[in-house]
Amino acid sequence: MSRRLVNITLDNLDDLPRRCRRCVFWELDPVSRDRAVESGAPELEKEAWISSTLLEWGSCGKIVYVDDVPAGFVLYAPPLYVPRSVAFPTSPVSADAVLLMTAHILPEFSGGGLGRMLVQGVAKDLTRRAVKAIEAFGDLKGEDGGCMVPADYLLSVGFKTVRPHHRYPRLRLELKSALSWREDVEVALERLLGSMTPEGALRPV
């Protein structure tokens, strides 16, 4: 069984699960997202976001393949490139942090260490860019059908609340070193990816 990890590009964007390919929850502000959904072409907005982020900032996602079959992915970017990040009551994300937007492993590939492989790729990428921290908006309710990261998972693996809220706290994990960050976040995403159902991984559009 061969595994390989590649950067998300316009050439392989269609390898994301169809619902994820069309999801622009993070990539657009709420008003623009609704407009894109009503127009019936949110996938075009997703493509435009990937293109501009790649050109201006660089790699913003990873896809893991098992025997050439896409098995999972992760998306991340500085808050400047994530319009939805300013729409929360606990915004804004710190200027020195990269935002963990979303991550998903297809259920048939869960439990095989792919989450660990994705995070190792992200860690290598971010440490090369001298990123100081990673932040995420947690969801204290964790409702099905959403694309928010459950706050309890983040708290249990080392994230600290920097802006409390009854529903959407903002949490932060300091990247003290490549090694410690990699270990902490591997554990975090392994737990997260192993617990999220396909229906709850991303918000439907």
N, C-alpha and C. Protein backbone atom coordinates (compact mmCIF):
# COMPACT_ATOMS: atom_id res chain seq x y z
N MET A 1 0.85 -1.20 0.00
CA MET A 1 0.00 0.00 0.00
C MET A 1 0.88 1.24 0.00
N SER A 2 0.78 2.05 -1.04
CA SER A 2 1.60 3.25 -1.14
C SER A 2 0.83 4.47 -0.65
N ARG A 3 1.56 5.36 0.00
CA ARG A 3 0.97 6.60 0.49
C ARG A 3 1.84 7.75 0.00
N ARG A 4 1.18 8.83 -0.36
CA ARG A 4 1.95 10.01 -0.74
C ARG A 4 1.16 11.25 -0.36
N LEU A 5 1.90 12.28 0.00
CA LEU A 5 1.32 13.54 0.45
C LEU A 5 1.72 14.63 -0.53
N VAL A 6 0.73 15.36 -1.04
CA VAL A 6 1.03 16.40 -2.01
C VAL A 6 0.31 17.70 -1.63
N ASN A 7 0.84 18.80 -2.11
CA ASN A 7 0.18 20.08 -1.89
C ASN A 7 -1.09 20.18 -2.71
N ILE A 8 -2.09 20.83 -2.16
CA ILE A 8 -3.30 21.10 -2.93
C ILE A 8 -3.00 22.17 -3.97
N THR A 9 -3.35 21.88 -5.22
CA THR A 9 -3.18 22.82 -6.32
C THR A 9 -4.47 22.84 -7.14
N LEU A 10 -4.51 23.70 -8.13
CA LEU A 10 -5.67 23.74 -9.02
C LEU A 10 -5.79 22.43 -9.80
N ASP A 11 -4.68 21.75 -10.00
CA ASP A 11 -4.71 20.51 -10.78
C ASP A 11 -5.35 19.35 -10.02
N ASN A 12 -5.22 19.34 -8.70
CA ASN A 12 -5.79 18.22 -7.94
C ASN A 12 -6.95 18.62 -7.04
N LEU A 13 -7.42 19.84 -7.16
CA LEU A 13 -8.50 20.32 -6.31
C LEU A 13 -9.75 19.46 -6.44
N ASP A 14 -10.00 18.91 -7.62
CA ASP A 14 -11.17 18.08 -7.83
C ASP A 14 -11.07 16.73 -7.13
N ASP A 15 -9.92 16.43 -6.53
CA ASP A 15 -9.77 15.19 -5.77
C ASP A 15 -10.36 15.30 -4.37
N LEU A 16 -10.75 16.51 -3.97
CA LEU A 16 -11.46 16.65 -2.70
C LEU A 16 -12.84 16.03 -2.83
N PRO A 17 -13.40 15.52 -1.74
CA PRO A 17 -14.78 15.03 -1.79
C PRO A 17 -15.69 16.11 -2.35
N ARG A 18 -16.71 15.73 -3.09
CA ARG A 18 -17.53 16.70 -3.82
C ARG A 18 -18.08 17.80 -2.91
N ARG A 19 -18.57 17.42 -1.74
CA ARG A 19 -19.14 18.42 -0.84
C ARG A 19 -18.06 19.39 -0.37
N CYS A 20 -16.87 18.85 -0.11
CA CYS A 20 -15.77 19.69 0.34
C CYS A 20 -15.29 20.59 -0.80
N ARG A 21 -15.33 20.05 -2.01
CA ARG A 21 -14.91 20.83 -3.18
C ARG A 21 -15.80 22.05 -3.38
N ARG A 22 -17.06 21.93 -3.01
CA ARG A 22 -18.02 23.03 -3.19
C ARG A 22 -18.19 23.90 -1.95
N CYS A 23 -17.57 23.49 -0.85
CA CYS A 23 -17.76 24.22 0.40
C CYS A 23 -16.87 25.47 0.44
N VAL A 24 -17.47 26.61 0.70
CA VAL A 24 -16.72 27.86 0.80
C VAL A 24 -17.02 28.57 2.13
N PHE A 25 -17.28 27.76 3.15
CA PHE A 25 -17.58 28.31 4.47
C PHE A 25 -16.47 29.22 4.97
N TRP A 26 -15.22 28.76 4.85
CA TRP A 26 -14.09 29.54 5.34
C TRP A 26 -13.56 30.53 4.32
N GLU A 27 -13.68 30.19 3.06
CA GLU A 27 -13.04 30.98 2.01
C GLU A 27 -13.74 32.31 1.72
N LEU A 28 -15.01 32.43 2.09
CA LEU A 28 -15.78 33.64 1.81
C LEU A 28 -16.42 34.17 3.09
N ASP A 29 -16.70 35.46 3.11
CA ASP A 29 -17.46 36.01 4.22
C ASP A 29 -18.90 35.51 4.09
N PRO A 30 -19.70 35.56 5.16
CA PRO A 30 -21.05 35.00 5.12
C PRO A 30 -21.93 35.50 3.98
N VAL A 31 -21.88 36.79 3.70
CA VAL A 31 -22.72 37.35 2.63
C VAL A 31 -22.28 36.82 1.27
N SER A 32 -20.97 36.83 1.02
CA SER A 32 -20.45 36.34 -0.26
C SER A 32 -20.70 34.84 -0.41
N ARG A 33 -20.62 34.11 0.68
CA ARG A 33 -20.89 32.68 0.63
C ARG A 33 -22.33 32.42 0.20
N ASP A 34 -23.27 33.13 0.82
CA ASP A 34 -24.68 32.95 0.46
C ASP A 34 -24.91 33.29 -1.01
N ARG A 35 -24.24 34.33 -1.47
CA ARG A 35 -24.39 34.74 -2.86
C ARG A 35 -23.83 33.65 -3.80
N ALA A 36 -22.70 33.08 -3.43
CA ALA A 36 -22.09 32.04 -4.25
C ALA A 36 -22.96 30.79 -4.31
N VAL A 37 -23.56 30.44 -3.19
CA VAL A 37 -24.43 29.27 -3.15
C VAL A 37 -25.67 29.50 -3.99
N GLU A 38 -26.23 30.71 -3.90
CA GLU A 38 -27.42 31.04 -4.68
C GLU A 38 -27.13 31.03 -6.17
N SER A 39 -25.92 31.40 -6.54
CA SER A 39 -25.55 31.42 -7.96
C SER A 39 -25.35 30.02 -8.52
N GLY A 40 -25.18 29.05 -7.61
CA GLY A 40 -25.04 27.67 -8.04
C GLY A 40 -23.63 27.27 -8.43
N ALA A 41 -22.64 28.11 -8.13
CA ALA A 41 -21.26 27.78 -8.54
C ALA A 41 -20.25 28.08 -7.44
N PRO A 42 -20.45 27.58 -6.23
CA PRO A 42 -19.47 27.85 -5.17
C PRO A 42 -18.11 27.23 -5.47
N GLU A 43 -18.07 26.18 -6.29
CA GLU A 43 -16.78 25.55 -6.60
C GLU A 43 -15.86 26.50 -7.35
N LEU A 44 -16.44 27.45 -8.10
CA LEU A 44 -15.61 28.44 -8.79
C LEU A 44 -14.95 29.39 -7.80
N GLU A 45 -15.69 29.73 -6.75
CA GLU A 45 -15.13 30.59 -5.70
C GLU A 45 -14.03 29.86 -4.94
N LYS A 46 -14.23 28.57 -4.72
CA LYS A 46 -13.21 27.77 -4.04
C LYS A 46 -11.93 27.75 -4.87
N GLU A 47 -12.09 27.56 -6.17
CA GLU A 47 -10.94 27.53 -7.07
C GLU A 47 -10.22 28.87 -7.07
N ALA A 48 -10.98 29.96 -7.08
CA ALA A 48 -10.38 31.30 -7.08
C ALA A 48 -9.61 31.54 -5.78
N TRP A 49 -10.15 31.06 -4.67
CA TRP A 49 -9.46 31.24 -3.38
C TRP A 49 -8.16 30.47 -3.35
N ILE A 50 -8.19 29.21 -3.77
CA ILE A 50 -6.98 28.40 -3.80
C ILE A 50 -5.93 29.07 -4.68
N SER A 51 -6.35 29.54 -5.85
CA SER A 51 -5.42 30.15 -6.80
C SER A 51 -4.74 31.38 -6.20
N SER A 52 -5.54 32.28 -5.64
CA SER A 52 -4.96 33.52 -5.11
C SER A 52 -4.09 33.27 -3.89
N THR A 53 -4.49 32.33 -3.03
CA THR A 53 -3.70 32.03 -1.84
C THR A 53 -2.37 31.39 -2.21
N LEU A 54 -2.40 30.48 -3.18
CA LEU A 54 -1.16 29.86 -3.65
C LEU A 54 -0.20 30.90 -4.22
N LEU A 55 -0.73 31.82 -4.98
CA LEU A 55 0.11 32.83 -5.62
C LEU A 55 0.70 33.81 -4.61
N GLU A 56 -0.10 34.20 -3.63
CA GLU A 56 0.32 35.25 -2.71
C GLU A 56 1.03 34.74 -1.46
N TRP A 57 0.65 33.54 -1.00
CA TRP A 57 1.20 33.05 0.27
C TRP A 57 1.95 31.73 0.10
N GLY A 58 1.47 30.89 -0.79
CA GLY A 58 2.09 29.58 -0.97
C GLY A 58 1.15 28.46 -0.58
N SER A 59 1.71 27.30 -0.31
CA SER A 59 0.92 26.10 0.02
C SER A 59 -0.08 26.38 1.13
N CYS A 60 -1.32 25.98 0.91
CA CYS A 60 -2.39 26.21 1.89
C CYS A 60 -3.19 24.95 2.16
N GLY A 61 -2.69 23.81 1.71
CA GLY A 61 -3.42 22.57 1.95
C GLY A 61 -2.63 21.37 1.48
N LYS A 62 -3.02 20.21 2.00
CA LYS A 62 -2.38 18.96 1.64
C LYS A 62 -3.46 17.91 1.34
N ILE A 63 -3.17 17.03 0.39
CA ILE A 63 -4.00 15.87 0.13
C ILE A 63 -3.14 14.63 0.31
N VAL A 64 -3.69 13.63 0.98
CA VAL A 64 -2.98 12.37 1.13
C VAL A 64 -3.66 11.32 0.25
N TYR A 65 -2.85 10.58 -0.49
CA TYR A 65 -3.35 9.55 -1.39
C TYR A 65 -2.89 8.17 -0.89
N VAL A 66 -3.77 7.21 -1.00
CA VAL A 66 -3.44 5.81 -0.70
C VAL A 66 -3.67 5.02 -1.98
N ASP A 67 -2.59 4.47 -2.52
CA ASP A 67 -2.67 3.76 -3.81
C ASP A 67 -3.34 4.63 -4.87
N ASP A 68 -2.96 5.90 -4.88
CA ASP A 68 -3.46 6.87 -5.85
C ASP A 68 -4.93 7.26 -5.67
N VAL A 69 -5.53 6.85 -4.56
CA VAL A 69 -6.91 7.22 -4.24
C VAL A 69 -6.87 8.31 -3.18
N PRO A 70 -7.50 9.49 -3.42
CA PRO A 70 -7.50 10.54 -2.39
C PRO A 70 -8.21 10.07 -1.13
N ALA A 71 -7.51 10.19 0.00
CA ALA A 71 -8.03 9.65 1.25
C ALA A 71 -8.31 10.70 2.31
N GLY A 72 -7.76 11.90 2.16
CA GLY A 72 -7.98 12.94 3.15
C GLY A 72 -7.27 14.22 2.77
N PHE A 73 -7.59 15.28 3.48
CA PHE A 73 -6.98 16.57 3.18
C PHE A 73 -7.04 17.48 4.39
N VAL A 74 -6.25 18.56 4.33
CA VAL A 74 -6.26 19.59 5.35
C VAL A 74 -6.09 20.93 4.66
N LEU A 75 -6.75 21.96 5.19
CA LEU A 75 -6.62 23.32 4.67
C LEU A 75 -6.22 24.25 5.81
N TYR A 76 -5.32 25.18 5.53
CA TYR A 76 -4.85 26.13 6.53
C TYR A 76 -4.33 27.37 5.82
N ALA A 77 -4.38 28.50 6.51
CA ALA A 77 -3.92 29.76 5.92
C ALA A 77 -3.86 30.85 6.99
N PRO A 78 -3.09 31.89 6.75
CA PRO A 78 -3.10 33.04 7.66
C PRO A 78 -4.49 33.67 7.65
N PRO A 79 -4.89 34.30 8.75
CA PRO A 79 -6.24 34.87 8.84
C PRO A 79 -6.54 35.90 7.74
N LEU A 80 -5.51 36.57 7.24
CA LEU A 80 -5.70 37.55 6.19
C LEU A 80 -6.36 36.94 4.95
N TYR A 81 -6.15 35.64 4.75
CA TYR A 81 -6.67 34.96 3.57
C TYR A 81 -7.97 34.20 3.85
N VAL A 82 -8.48 34.33 5.06
CA VAL A 82 -9.69 33.57 5.44
C VAL A 82 -10.78 34.54 5.87
N PRO A 83 -11.60 35.01 4.92
CA PRO A 83 -12.62 36.02 5.22
C PRO A 83 -13.56 35.64 6.36
N ARG A 84 -13.92 34.37 6.45
CA ARG A 84 -14.85 33.95 7.50
C ARG A 84 -14.24 34.14 8.88
N SER A 85 -12.93 34.23 8.96
CA SER A 85 -12.28 34.31 10.27
C SER A 85 -12.61 35.59 11.01
N VAL A 86 -13.12 36.60 10.32
CA VAL A 86 -13.47 37.85 11.00
C VAL A 86 -14.95 37.90 11.36
N ALA A 87 -15.68 36.82 11.08
CA ALA A 87 -17.13 36.82 11.29
C ALA A 87 -17.54 36.21 12.63
N PHE A 88 -16.57 35.87 13.47
CA PHE A 88 -16.88 35.26 14.75
C PHE A 88 -16.81 36.28 15.87
N PRO A 89 -17.57 36.06 16.93
CA PRO A 89 -17.54 37.00 18.06
C PRO A 89 -16.19 37.05 18.76
N THR A 90 -15.35 36.03 18.53
CA THR A 90 -14.02 36.00 19.15
C THR A 90 -12.91 36.35 18.16
N SER A 91 -13.28 36.88 17.01
CA SER A 91 -12.29 37.36 16.06
C SER A 91 -11.63 38.63 16.62
N PRO A 92 -10.44 38.97 16.10
CA PRO A 92 -9.72 38.35 15.00
C PRO A 92 -8.69 37.33 15.47
N VAL A 93 -8.24 36.48 14.53
CA VAL A 93 -7.13 35.58 14.77
C VAL A 93 -5.87 36.43 14.91
N SER A 94 -4.95 36.01 15.76
CA SER A 94 -3.71 36.75 15.96
C SER A 94 -2.91 36.84 14.67
N ALA A 95 -2.26 37.96 14.48
CA ALA A 95 -1.52 38.20 13.24
C ALA A 95 -0.34 37.25 13.06
N ASP A 96 0.17 36.67 14.16
CA ASP A 96 1.33 35.79 14.05
C ASP A 96 0.94 34.32 13.92
N ALA A 97 -0.35 34.04 13.77
CA ALA A 97 -0.82 32.66 13.74
C ALA A 97 -1.40 32.29 12.38
N VAL A 98 -1.32 31.00 12.09
CA VAL A 98 -2.00 30.44 10.93
C VAL A 98 -3.28 29.78 11.43
N LEU A 99 -4.35 29.91 10.68
CA LEU A 99 -5.64 29.36 11.08
C LEU A 99 -5.82 27.95 10.54
N LEU A 100 -6.10 27.02 11.43
CA LEU A 100 -6.50 25.68 11.02
C LEU A 100 -7.95 25.76 10.57
N MET A 101 -8.19 25.65 9.28
CA MET A 101 -9.52 25.82 8.74
C MET A 101 -10.34 24.54 8.86
N THR A 102 -9.89 23.48 8.22
CA THR A 102 -10.61 22.22 8.28
C THR A 102 -9.70 21.08 7.91
N ALA A 103 -10.05 19.88 8.32
CA ALA A 103 -9.30 18.67 7.99
C ALA A 103 -10.28 17.50 7.97
N HIS A 104 -10.02 16.54 7.10
CA HIS A 104 -10.96 15.43 6.96
C HIS A 104 -10.26 14.21 6.39
N ILE A 105 -10.54 13.06 6.99
CA ILE A 105 -10.09 11.77 6.46
C ILE A 105 -11.34 10.98 6.09
N LEU A 106 -11.37 10.43 4.88
CA LEU A 106 -12.52 9.63 4.48
C LEU A 106 -12.66 8.44 5.42
N PRO A 107 -13.89 8.09 5.78
CA PRO A 107 -14.11 7.04 6.81
C PRO A 107 -13.46 5.71 6.47
N GLU A 108 -13.42 5.35 5.20
CA GLU A 108 -12.83 4.06 4.85
C GLU A 108 -11.32 4.02 5.04
N PHE A 109 -10.70 5.19 5.28
CA PHE A 109 -9.25 5.25 5.49
C PHE A 109 -8.90 5.65 6.91
N SER A 110 -9.88 5.78 7.78
CA SER A 110 -9.61 6.22 9.15
C SER A 110 -8.86 5.13 9.92
N GLY A 111 -8.11 5.57 10.92
CA GLY A 111 -7.39 4.64 11.76
C GLY A 111 -6.09 4.14 11.18
N GLY A 112 -5.69 4.68 10.05
CA GLY A 112 -4.46 4.21 9.41
C GLY A 112 -3.28 5.14 9.55
N GLY A 113 -3.40 6.14 10.40
CA GLY A 113 -2.29 7.06 10.60
C GLY A 113 -2.19 8.16 9.56
N LEU A 114 -3.23 8.33 8.73
CA LEU A 114 -3.17 9.35 7.68
C LEU A 114 -3.25 10.76 8.26
N GLY A 115 -3.99 10.90 9.36
CA GLY A 115 -4.04 12.20 10.02
C GLY A 115 -2.66 12.63 10.47
N ARG A 116 -1.91 11.68 11.00
CA ARG A 116 -0.54 11.95 11.42
C ARG A 116 0.32 12.38 10.23
N MET A 117 0.14 11.70 9.12
CA MET A 117 0.91 12.01 7.92
C MET A 117 0.58 13.42 7.41
N LEU A 118 -0.69 13.78 7.43
CA LEU A 118 -1.10 15.12 7.00
C LEU A 118 -0.46 16.18 7.89
N VAL A 119 -0.54 15.97 9.20
CA VAL A 119 -0.04 16.98 10.13
C VAL A 119 1.47 17.12 10.04
N GLN A 120 2.18 16.02 9.83
CA GLN A 120 3.62 16.12 9.67
C GLN A 120 3.98 16.99 8.47
N GLY A 121 3.18 16.85 7.39
CA GLY A 121 3.41 17.69 6.22
C GLY A 121 3.14 19.15 6.50
N VAL A 122 2.06 19.42 7.24
CA VAL A 122 1.72 20.80 7.59
C VAL A 122 2.79 21.38 8.52
N ALA A 123 3.21 20.58 9.50
CA ALA A 123 4.23 21.05 10.45
C ALA A 123 5.52 21.43 9.74
N LYS A 124 5.94 20.60 8.81
CA LYS A 124 7.16 20.89 8.07
C LYS A 124 7.02 22.18 7.28
N ASP A 125 5.85 22.36 6.67
CA ASP A 125 5.60 23.56 5.88
C ASP A 125 5.62 24.81 6.75
N LEU A 126 4.89 24.77 7.87
CA LEU A 126 4.76 25.96 8.71
C LEU A 126 6.04 26.31 9.45
N THR A 127 6.77 25.32 9.90
CA THR A 127 8.02 25.62 10.59
C THR A 127 9.04 26.23 9.63
N ARG A 128 8.99 25.83 8.38
CA ARG A 128 9.87 26.43 7.38
C ARG A 128 9.55 27.91 7.20
N ARG A 129 8.28 28.29 7.44
CA ARG A 129 7.87 29.69 7.30
C ARG A 129 7.98 30.46 8.62
N ALA A 130 8.53 29.81 9.63
CA ALA A 130 8.73 30.46 10.94
C ALA A 130 7.43 30.93 11.56
N VAL A 131 6.39 30.14 11.42
CA VAL A 131 5.10 30.46 12.04
C VAL A 131 5.21 30.28 13.55
N LYS A 132 4.62 31.19 14.31
CA LYS A 132 4.75 31.16 15.77
C LYS A 132 3.65 30.37 16.46
N ALA A 133 2.47 30.28 15.84
CA ALA A 133 1.36 29.61 16.51
C ALA A 133 0.30 29.19 15.51
N ILE A 134 -0.57 28.30 15.96
CA ILE A 134 -1.73 27.93 15.18
C ILE A 134 -2.96 28.20 16.03
N GLU A 135 -3.99 28.77 15.41
CA GLU A 135 -5.22 29.06 16.13
C GLU A 135 -6.41 28.42 15.41
N ALA A 136 -7.48 28.26 16.17
CA ALA A 136 -8.70 27.69 15.60
C ALA A 136 -9.89 28.22 16.38
N PHE A 137 -11.00 28.33 15.70
CA PHE A 137 -12.25 28.67 16.36
C PHE A 137 -12.93 27.37 16.76
N GLY A 138 -13.06 27.18 18.06
CA GLY A 138 -13.69 25.97 18.54
C GLY A 138 -15.20 26.10 18.59
N ASP A 139 -15.87 24.97 18.55
CA ASP A 139 -17.33 24.93 18.66
C ASP A 139 -17.67 24.14 19.91
N LEU A 140 -18.30 24.80 20.88
CA LEU A 140 -18.62 24.14 22.14
C LEU A 140 -19.83 23.21 22.02
N LYS A 141 -20.59 23.34 20.93
CA LYS A 141 -21.74 22.46 20.73
C LYS A 141 -21.43 21.33 19.75
N GLY A 142 -20.60 21.61 18.77
CA GLY A 142 -20.19 20.58 17.84
C GLY A 142 -21.33 19.94 17.09
N GLU A 143 -22.22 20.75 16.55
CA GLU A 143 -23.39 20.22 15.86
C GLU A 143 -23.01 19.52 14.56
N ASP A 144 -23.76 18.47 14.22
CA ASP A 144 -23.55 17.77 12.97
C ASP A 144 -23.80 18.70 11.79
N GLY A 145 -23.04 18.50 10.74
CA GLY A 145 -23.25 19.30 9.54
C GLY A 145 -22.43 20.57 9.52
N GLY A 146 -21.68 20.84 10.60
CA GLY A 146 -20.86 22.03 10.63
C GLY A 146 -19.43 21.72 10.25
N CYS A 147 -18.64 22.76 10.08
CA CYS A 147 -17.22 22.53 9.77
C CYS A 147 -16.34 23.20 10.82
N MET A 148 -16.89 23.37 12.00
CA MET A 148 -16.12 23.91 13.11
C MET A 148 -15.41 22.78 13.85
N VAL A 149 -14.24 23.08 14.38
CA VAL A 149 -13.51 22.10 15.18
C VAL A 149 -14.09 22.10 16.59
N PRO A 150 -14.46 20.94 17.13
CA PRO A 150 -14.97 20.88 18.49
C PRO A 150 -13.96 21.44 19.49
N ALA A 151 -14.40 22.36 20.33
CA ALA A 151 -13.50 23.01 21.28
C ALA A 151 -12.91 22.02 22.27
N ASP A 152 -13.70 21.04 22.68
CA ASP A 152 -13.22 20.08 23.67
C ASP A 152 -11.99 19.32 23.18
N TYR A 153 -11.96 18.98 21.90
CA TYR A 153 -10.81 18.28 21.35
C TYR A 153 -9.56 19.15 21.39
N LEU A 154 -9.74 20.42 21.05
CA LEU A 154 -8.60 21.33 21.05
C LEU A 154 -8.06 21.53 22.46
N LEU A 155 -8.97 21.71 23.41
CA LEU A 155 -8.56 21.93 24.79
C LEU A 155 -7.85 20.71 25.37
N SER A 156 -8.31 19.52 24.99
CA SER A 156 -7.77 18.29 25.58
C SER A 156 -6.35 17.98 25.12
N VAL A 157 -5.91 18.63 24.06
CA VAL A 157 -4.58 18.30 23.53
C VAL A 157 -3.61 19.49 23.54
N GLY A 158 -3.90 20.47 24.36
CA GLY A 158 -2.92 21.52 24.56
C GLY A 158 -3.26 22.91 24.08
N PHE A 159 -4.33 23.07 23.31
CA PHE A 159 -4.74 24.41 22.92
C PHE A 159 -5.24 25.16 24.15
N LYS A 160 -4.97 26.44 24.20
CA LYS A 160 -5.42 27.28 25.31
C LYS A 160 -6.41 28.32 24.79
N THR A 161 -7.45 28.59 25.56
CA THR A 161 -8.43 29.59 25.17
C THR A 161 -7.84 30.99 25.34
N VAL A 162 -7.86 31.75 24.24
CA VAL A 162 -7.36 33.12 24.32
C VAL A 162 -8.50 34.13 24.26
N ARG A 163 -9.65 33.71 23.76
CA ARG A 163 -10.86 34.55 23.78
C ARG A 163 -12.05 33.65 24.09
N PRO A 164 -12.51 33.65 25.34
CA PRO A 164 -13.64 32.79 25.70
C PRO A 164 -14.94 33.25 25.08
N HIS A 165 -15.85 32.30 24.88
CA HIS A 165 -17.18 32.59 24.35
C HIS A 165 -18.06 31.38 24.66
N HIS A 166 -19.37 31.63 24.81
CA HIS A 166 -20.26 30.53 25.17
C HIS A 166 -20.45 29.52 24.04
N ARG A 167 -20.09 29.89 22.82
CA ARG A 167 -20.25 28.96 21.69
C ARG A 167 -18.98 28.82 20.85
N TYR A 168 -18.32 29.96 20.52
CA TYR A 168 -17.18 29.91 19.61
C TYR A 168 -15.91 30.51 20.23
N PRO A 169 -15.31 29.84 21.20
CA PRO A 169 -14.05 30.35 21.75
C PRO A 169 -12.93 30.26 20.71
N ARG A 170 -11.97 31.16 20.83
CA ARG A 170 -10.79 31.08 19.97
C ARG A 170 -9.65 30.50 20.80
N LEU A 171 -9.01 29.48 20.23
CA LEU A 171 -7.96 28.76 20.94
C LEU A 171 -6.64 28.86 20.19
N ARG A 172 -5.55 28.67 20.94
CA ARG A 172 -4.22 28.87 20.38
C ARG A 172 -3.25 27.82 20.89
N LEU A 173 -2.39 27.37 20.00
CA LEU A 173 -1.31 26.45 20.37
C LEU A 173 0.00 27.09 19.92
N GLU A 174 0.86 27.38 20.89
CA GLU A 174 2.15 27.98 20.58
C GLU A 174 3.06 26.97 19.90
N LEU A 175 3.75 27.41 18.87
CA LEU A 175 4.68 26.53 18.16
C LEU A 175 6.08 26.78 18.70
N LYS A 176 6.34 26.25 19.89
CA LYS A 176 7.63 26.51 20.56
C LYS A 176 8.79 25.95 19.75
N SER A 177 8.55 24.81 19.13
CA SER A 177 9.57 24.21 18.27
C SER A 177 8.88 23.29 17.30
N ALA A 178 9.55 22.94 16.22
CA ALA A 178 8.95 22.06 15.23
C ALA A 178 8.59 20.72 15.85
N LEU A 179 9.45 20.20 16.71
CA LEU A 179 9.22 18.88 17.28
C LEU A 179 8.03 18.87 18.23
N SER A 180 8.01 19.82 19.19
CA SER A 180 6.92 19.81 20.16
C SER A 180 5.60 20.12 19.50
N TRP A 181 5.60 21.05 18.52
CA TRP A 181 4.35 21.37 17.83
C TRP A 181 3.85 20.16 17.06
N ARG A 182 4.77 19.47 16.40
CA ARG A 182 4.37 18.33 15.59
C ARG A 182 3.74 17.25 16.48
N GLU A 183 4.36 16.99 17.63
CA GLU A 183 3.82 15.96 18.52
C GLU A 183 2.45 16.34 19.04
N ASP A 184 2.30 17.59 19.51
CA ASP A 184 1.04 18.03 20.07
C ASP A 184 -0.08 18.01 19.04
N VAL A 185 0.20 18.54 17.86
CA VAL A 185 -0.85 18.67 16.87
C VAL A 185 -1.17 17.34 16.21
N GLU A 186 -0.19 16.46 16.11
CA GLU A 186 -0.48 15.12 15.60
C GLU A 186 -1.54 14.46 16.48
N VAL A 187 -1.33 14.54 17.78
CA VAL A 187 -2.28 13.95 18.72
C VAL A 187 -3.64 14.61 18.57
N ALA A 188 -3.65 15.95 18.46
CA ALA A 188 -4.91 16.69 18.35
C ALA A 188 -5.70 16.26 17.12
N LEU A 189 -5.05 16.25 15.98
CA LEU A 189 -5.79 15.93 14.76
C LEU A 189 -6.09 14.45 14.62
N GLU A 190 -5.24 13.59 15.19
CA GLU A 190 -5.56 12.17 15.17
C GLU A 190 -6.87 11.93 15.92
N ARG A 191 -7.02 12.58 17.07
CA ARG A 191 -8.26 12.44 17.84
C ARG A 191 -9.44 13.06 17.11
N LEU A 192 -9.19 14.25 16.56
CA LEU A 192 -10.25 14.97 15.87
C LEU A 192 -10.72 14.21 14.65
N LEU A 193 -9.79 13.80 13.78
CA LEU A 193 -10.16 13.14 12.55
C LEU A 193 -10.76 11.77 12.82
N GLY A 194 -10.36 11.15 13.91
CA GLY A 194 -10.90 9.84 14.21
C GLY A 194 -12.30 9.89 14.78
N SER A 195 -12.72 11.07 15.24
CA SER A 195 -14.03 11.18 15.89
C SER A 195 -15.09 11.83 15.02
N MET A 196 -14.65 12.61 14.03
CA MET A 196 -15.62 13.33 13.21
C MET A 196 -16.25 12.41 12.17
N THR A 197 -17.57 12.44 12.08
CA THR A 197 -18.25 11.66 11.07
C THR A 197 -18.18 12.39 9.74
N PRO A 198 -18.38 11.69 8.62
CA PRO A 198 -18.39 12.37 7.32
C PRO A 198 -19.42 13.49 7.29
N GLU A 199 -20.58 13.25 7.94
CA GLU A 199 -21.64 14.26 7.90
C GLU A 199 -21.26 15.49 8.70
N GLY A 200 -20.45 15.29 9.75
CA GLY A 200 -20.12 16.41 10.60
C GLY A 200 -18.82 17.09 10.26
N ALA A 201 -18.10 16.55 9.30
CA ALA A 201 -16.78 17.09 8.99
C ALA A 201 -16.83 18.44 8.32
N LEU A 202 -17.79 18.62 7.42
CA LEU A 202 -17.89 19.87 6.70
C LEU A 202 -19.34 20.27 6.54
N ARG A 203 -19.57 21.53 6.54
CA ARG A 203 -20.94 22.02 6.40
C ARG A 203 -21.42 21.85 4.97
N PRO A 204 -22.60 21.27 4.77
CA PRO A 204 -23.12 21.11 3.40
C PRO A 204 -23.48 22.46 2.82
N VAL A 205 -23.45 22.55 1.51
CA VAL A 205 -23.81 23.79 0.83
C VAL A 205 -25.02 23.58 -0.04
